[in-house]
Amino acid sequence: MATNPFNRGMNVAADLAPVTPNDGTDLPEYGRGIRVRPDGAAGTVHFRNNAGVERTTAMAAGETILVGVTRIYAAGTTATGIEVLI
């Protein structure tokens, strides 16, 4: 089971982890934010947040959003170069 970063106070992320979007598997470590690398491609990111709600958002290359994330779905995700803050 993935560790839950939402059980700790607000502070900086310990690391960035590359993500391969997957419709059937949660992230090995839940993320504290989503980043599209500057050398990635802008597009949509379809994810499930730490409350279990699916969301889809547009992200630019180089953009970071601070949101708890447990899964990044392949279906509905067009951005590339995705990382999560852990």
Protein backbone atom coordinates (compact mmCIF):
# COMPACT_ATOMS: atom_id res chain seq x y z
CA MET A 1 0.00 0.00 0.00
CA ALA A 2 1.22 3.48 -0.79
CA THR A 3 2.34 5.72 2.03
CA ASN A 4 -0.01 8.58 2.80
CA PRO A 5 1.71 12.01 2.72
CA PHE A 6 -1.51 13.68 3.84
CA ASN A 7 -0.93 12.51 7.42
CA ARG A 8 1.84 15.05 7.94
CA GLY A 9 1.99 18.83 8.19
CA MET A 10 2.50 21.18 5.29
CA ASN A 11 6.14 21.31 4.23
CA VAL A 12 8.23 20.92 1.13
CA ALA A 13 8.09 17.74 -0.91
CA ALA A 14 10.87 15.24 -0.33
CA ASP A 15 11.25 14.33 -4.00
CA LEU A 16 9.77 14.28 -7.50
CA ALA A 17 8.73 11.00 -9.09
CA PRO A 18 8.00 10.46 -12.78
CA VAL A 19 4.52 9.12 -13.54
CA THR A 20 3.31 6.75 -16.22
CA PRO A 21 -0.46 7.34 -16.30
CA ASN A 22 -2.38 4.14 -15.55
CA ASP A 23 -6.13 3.56 -15.35
CA GLY A 24 -5.90 0.57 -13.00
CA THR A 25 -3.08 1.24 -10.54
CA ASP A 26 -2.60 3.82 -7.79
CA LEU A 27 0.69 5.66 -7.50
CA PRO A 28 3.29 3.74 -5.45
CA GLU A 29 3.60 6.84 -3.25
CA TYR A 30 0.74 9.30 -3.10
CA GLY A 31 1.63 12.72 -4.39
CA ARG A 32 1.35 16.14 -2.76
CA GLY A 33 1.23 17.87 -6.12
CA ILE A 34 1.38 17.32 -9.87
CA ARG A 35 4.01 18.84 -12.15
CA VAL A 36 4.35 18.86 -15.93
CA ARG A 37 8.05 19.16 -16.64
CA PRO A 38 9.20 22.22 -18.62
CA ASP A 39 10.36 19.87 -21.40
CA GLY A 40 7.02 17.99 -21.30
CA ALA A 41 3.92 18.81 -23.33
CA ALA A 42 0.97 20.85 -22.11
CA GLY A 43 -2.40 19.10 -22.05
CA THR A 44 -4.96 17.64 -19.70
CA VAL A 45 -4.26 15.58 -16.58
CA HIS A 46 -7.00 13.24 -15.34
CA PHE A 47 -6.35 12.27 -11.72
CA ARG A 48 -7.97 11.05 -8.51
CA ASN A 49 -7.40 13.25 -5.48
CA ASN A 50 -6.88 12.13 -1.89
CA ALA A 51 -10.64 12.48 -1.25
CA GLY A 52 -11.30 9.88 -3.96
CA VAL A 53 -12.74 12.39 -6.45
CA GLU A 54 -11.73 12.25 -10.11
CA ARG A 55 -10.71 15.55 -11.67
CA THR A 56 -9.42 16.65 -15.06
CA THR A 57 -7.45 19.87 -15.41
CA ALA A 58 -5.46 21.59 -18.13
CA MET A 59 -1.78 22.06 -17.33
CA ALA A 60 0.94 23.99 -19.12
CA ALA A 61 4.50 22.74 -19.51
CA GLY A 62 6.40 23.78 -16.38
CA GLU A 63 3.23 24.14 -14.29
CA THR A 64 2.78 22.67 -10.80
CA ILE A 65 -0.49 22.31 -8.92
CA LEU A 66 -0.58 21.53 -5.22
CA VAL A 67 -3.19 18.83 -4.77
CA GLY A 68 -3.20 15.45 -3.08
CA VAL A 69 -3.16 12.77 -5.77
CA THR A 70 -3.47 8.98 -5.58
CA ARG A 71 -3.74 8.09 -9.28
CA ILE A 72 -3.06 9.66 -12.68
CA TYR A 73 -5.31 8.07 -15.29
CA ALA A 74 -4.16 7.31 -18.84
CA ALA A 75 -7.65 7.90 -20.24
CA GLY A 76 -8.19 11.64 -20.40
CA THR A 77 -4.54 12.56 -19.86
CA THR A 78 -2.82 14.22 -22.81
CA ALA A 79 0.02 16.06 -21.02
CA THR A 80 3.43 14.40 -21.06
CA GLY A 81 6.41 14.64 -18.74
CA ILE A 82 4.23 14.31 -15.63
CA GLU A 83 5.79 14.06 -12.17
CA VAL A 84 4.31 14.02 -8.68
CA LEU A 85 5.73 15.76 -5.64
CA ILE A 86 6.18 13.22 -2.84
